[in-house]
Amino acid sequence: MDCRDIQKMFIPFINEELSIKDLGKFLEHIDRCRDCREEYDIYYTMIMGMRYLESENNKTEFKINSEQKLREAEEHILKHKLFQIGKVVLLIIICVAVIIVL
């Protein structure tokens, strides 16, 4: 993916609307491309600032920053991969158990 494709993903990423596949591509590019990373930080700050100002009496707190958001997304991908591995391992265990029983 090129920078334009990634930049189109800024808002869906912030809104947690990316598929796991797109999320992986997004994080990989953001990790490599300094320009996109800086632009993402600006988008994130602006969007969260606007959300803060639009919230009732500014009571909503946005404790997470752009860096934390990226780390949480990376953790989400890791958990997804571990879950997928777990499913495969469980399937193998079931297959072996069926073979042993037969």
C-alpha atoms as a PDB file:
ATOM      1  CA  MET A   1       0.000   0.000   0.000  1.00  0.00           C
ATOM      2  CA  ASP A   2       1.171   3.501  -0.685  1.00  0.00           C
ATOM      3  CA  CYS A   3       0.902   6.581   1.522  1.00  0.00           C
ATOM      4  CA  ARG A   4      -2.410   7.701  -0.025  1.00  0.00           C
ATOM      5  CA  ASP A   5      -4.034   4.365   0.799  1.00  0.00           C
ATOM      6  CA  ILE A   6      -2.767   4.558   4.370  1.00  0.00           C
ATOM      7  CA  GLN A   7      -3.893   8.160   4.795  1.00  0.00           C
ATOM      8  CA  LYS A   8      -7.406   7.115   3.786  1.00  0.00           C
ATOM      9  CA  MET A   9      -7.301   4.695   6.710  1.00  0.00           C
ATOM     10  CA  PHE A  10      -6.557   7.281   9.418  1.00  0.00           C
ATOM     11  CA  ILE A  11     -10.169   7.915  10.390  1.00  0.00           C
ATOM     12  CA  PRO A  12     -11.302   4.272  10.103  1.00  0.00           C
ATOM     13  CA  PHE A  13      -8.308   3.331  12.279  1.00  0.00           C
ATOM     14  CA  ILE A  14      -9.157   5.939  14.895  1.00  0.00           C
ATOM     15  CA  ASN A  15     -12.784   4.754  14.842  1.00  0.00           C
ATOM     16  CA  GLU A  16     -11.655   1.104  15.102  1.00  0.00           C
ATOM     17  CA  GLU A  17     -13.324   0.220  11.806  1.00  0.00           C
ATOM     18  CA  LEU A  18     -10.428  -1.511  10.008  1.00  0.00           C
ATOM     19  CA  SER A  19     -10.456  -5.222   9.287  1.00  0.00           C
ATOM     20  CA  ILE A  20      -7.644  -7.223  10.880  1.00  0.00           C
ATOM     21  CA  LYS A  21      -5.973  -7.490   7.445  1.00  0.00           C
ATOM     22  CA  ASP A  22      -6.122  -3.728   6.823  1.00  0.00           C
ATOM     23  CA  LEU A  23      -5.082  -3.046  10.400  1.00  0.00           C
ATOM     24  CA  GLY A  24      -1.927  -5.089   9.893  1.00  0.00           C
ATOM     25  CA  LYS A  25      -1.075  -3.255   6.671  1.00  0.00           C
ATOM     26  CA  PHE A  26      -1.790   0.087   8.324  1.00  0.00           C
ATOM     27  CA  LEU A  27       0.442  -0.593  11.323  1.00  0.00           C
ATOM     28  CA  GLU A  28       3.243  -1.974   9.168  1.00  0.00           C
ATOM     29  CA  HIS A  29       3.240   1.138   6.969  1.00  0.00           C
ATOM     30  CA  ILE A  30       2.962   3.561   9.905  1.00  0.00           C
ATOM     31  CA  ASP A  31       5.929   1.835  11.512  1.00  0.00           C
ATOM     32  CA  ARG A  32       8.080   2.302   8.373  1.00  0.00           C
ATOM     33  CA  CYS A  33       6.908   5.678   7.036  1.00  0.00           C
ATOM     34  CA  ARG A  34       7.828   8.683   9.129  1.00  0.00           C
ATOM     35  CA  ASP A  35       5.698  11.083   7.048  1.00  0.00           C
ATOM     36  CA  CYS A  36       2.532   9.014   7.477  1.00  0.00           C
ATOM     37  CA  ARG A  37       3.283   8.570  11.177  1.00  0.00           C
ATOM     38  CA  GLU A  38       3.553  12.313  11.688  1.00  0.00           C
ATOM     39  CA  GLU A  39       0.390  12.950   9.680  1.00  0.00           C
ATOM     40  CA  TYR A  40      -1.462  10.264  11.646  1.00  0.00           C
ATOM     41  CA  ASP A  41      -0.406  11.925  14.925  1.00  0.00           C
ATOM     42  CA  ILE A  42      -1.803  15.243  13.674  1.00  0.00           C
ATOM     43  CA  TYR A  43      -5.090  13.646  12.538  1.00  0.00           C
ATOM     44  CA  TYR A  44      -5.456  11.796  15.810  1.00  0.00           C
ATOM     45  CA  THR A  45      -4.849  14.905  17.892  1.00  0.00           C
ATOM     46  CA  MET A  46      -7.296  16.991  15.822  1.00  0.00           C
ATOM     47  CA  ILE A  47     -10.053  14.364  15.802  1.00  0.00           C
ATOM     48  CA  MET A  48      -9.789  13.588  19.491  1.00  0.00           C
ATOM     49  CA  GLY A  49      -9.635  17.301  20.289  1.00  0.00           C
ATOM     50  CA  MET A  50     -12.812  17.927  18.293  1.00  0.00           C
ATOM     51  CA  ARG A  51     -14.518  14.990  20.019  1.00  0.00           C
ATOM     52  CA  TYR A  52     -13.504  16.414  23.374  1.00  0.00           C
ATOM     53  CA  LEU A  53     -14.916  19.826  22.501  1.00  0.00           C
ATOM     54  CA  GLU A  54     -18.146  18.280  21.194  1.00  0.00           C
ATOM     55  CA  SER A  55     -18.685  16.124  24.281  1.00  0.00           C
ATOM     56  CA  GLU A  56     -21.177  17.226  26.908  1.00  0.00           C
ATOM     57  CA  ASN A  57     -19.582  19.950  29.005  1.00  0.00           C
ATOM     58  CA  ASN A  58     -16.188  18.587  27.964  1.00  0.00           C
ATOM     59  CA  LYS A  59     -16.581  15.832  30.586  1.00  0.00           C
ATOM     60  CA  THR A  60     -15.433  13.048  28.313  1.00  0.00           C
ATOM     61  CA  GLU A  61     -11.784  12.351  28.941  1.00  0.00           C
ATOM     62  CA  PHE A  62      -9.545  11.060  26.197  1.00  0.00           C
ATOM     63  CA  LYS A  63      -6.740   9.468  28.163  1.00  0.00           C
ATOM     64  CA  ILE A  64      -5.285   7.588  25.241  1.00  0.00           C
ATOM     65  CA  ASN A  65      -2.814   9.274  22.919  1.00  0.00           C
ATOM     66  CA  SER A  66      -1.889   8.417  19.350  1.00  0.00           C
ATOM     67  CA  GLU A  67       1.057   6.238  20.412  1.00  0.00           C
ATOM     68  CA  GLN A  68      -1.085   4.253  22.855  1.00  0.00           C
ATOM     69  CA  LYS A  69      -3.711   3.769  20.162  1.00  0.00           C
ATOM     70  CA  LEU A  70      -1.093   2.214  17.865  1.00  0.00           C
ATOM     71  CA  ARG A  71       0.206  -0.038  20.659  1.00  0.00           C
ATOM     72  CA  GLU A  72      -3.312  -1.225  21.476  1.00  0.00           C
ATOM     73  CA  ALA A  73      -3.863  -2.044  17.802  1.00  0.00           C
ATOM     74  CA  GLU A  74      -0.618  -4.036  17.729  1.00  0.00           C
ATOM     75  CA  GLU A  75      -1.746  -5.943  20.830  1.00  0.00           C
ATOM     76  CA  HIS A  76      -5.086  -6.619  19.160  1.00  0.00           C
ATOM     77  CA  ILE A  77      -3.353  -8.117  16.130  1.00  0.00           C
ATOM     78  CA  LEU A  78      -1.114 -10.241  18.374  1.00  0.00           C
ATOM     79  CA  LYS A  79      -4.140 -11.530  20.302  1.00  0.00           C
ATOM     80  CA  HIS A  80      -5.892 -12.298  17.024  1.00  0.00           C
ATOM     81  CA  LYS A  81      -2.882 -14.273  15.775  1.00  0.00           C
ATOM     82  CA  LEU A  82      -2.626 -16.180  19.057  1.00  0.00           C
ATOM     83  CA  PHE A  83      -6.324 -16.984  18.897  1.00  0.00           C
ATOM     84  CA  GLN A  84      -5.908 -18.299  15.348  1.00  0.00           C
ATOM     85  CA  ILE A  85      -2.955 -20.448  16.443  1.00  0.00           C
ATOM     86  CA  GLY A  86      -4.996 -21.713  19.384  1.00  0.00           C
ATOM     87  CA  LYS A  87      -7.791 -22.778  17.051  1.00  0.00           C
ATOM     88  CA  VAL A  88      -5.337 -24.726  14.883  1.00  0.00           C
ATOM     89  CA  VAL A  89      -3.774 -26.408  17.918  1.00  0.00           C
ATOM     90  CA  LEU A  90      -7.216 -27.344  19.245  1.00  0.00           C
ATOM     91  CA  LEU A  91      -8.159 -28.812  15.874  1.00  0.00           C
ATOM     92  CA  ILE A  92      -4.956 -30.867  15.825  1.00  0.00           C
ATOM     93  CA  ILE A  93      -5.638 -32.132  19.351  1.00  0.00           C
ATOM     94  CA  ILE A  94      -9.173 -33.129  18.392  1.00  0.00           C
ATOM     95  CA  CYS A  95      -7.917 -34.928  15.262  1.00  0.00           C
ATOM     96  CA  VAL A  96      -5.286 -36.819  17.250  1.00  0.00           C
ATOM     97  CA  ALA A  97      -7.858 -37.748  19.889  1.00  0.00           C
ATOM     98  CA  VAL A  98     -10.242 -39.060  17.225  1.00  0.00           C
ATOM     99  CA  ILE A  99      -7.443 -41.123  15.664  1.00  0.00           C
ATOM    100  CA  ILE A 100      -6.494 -42.573  19.067  1.00  0.00           C
ATOM    101  CA  VAL A 101     -10.106 -43.446  19.873  1.00  0.00           C
ATOM    102  CA  LEU A 102     -10.571 -45.198  16.531  1.00  0.00           C
END
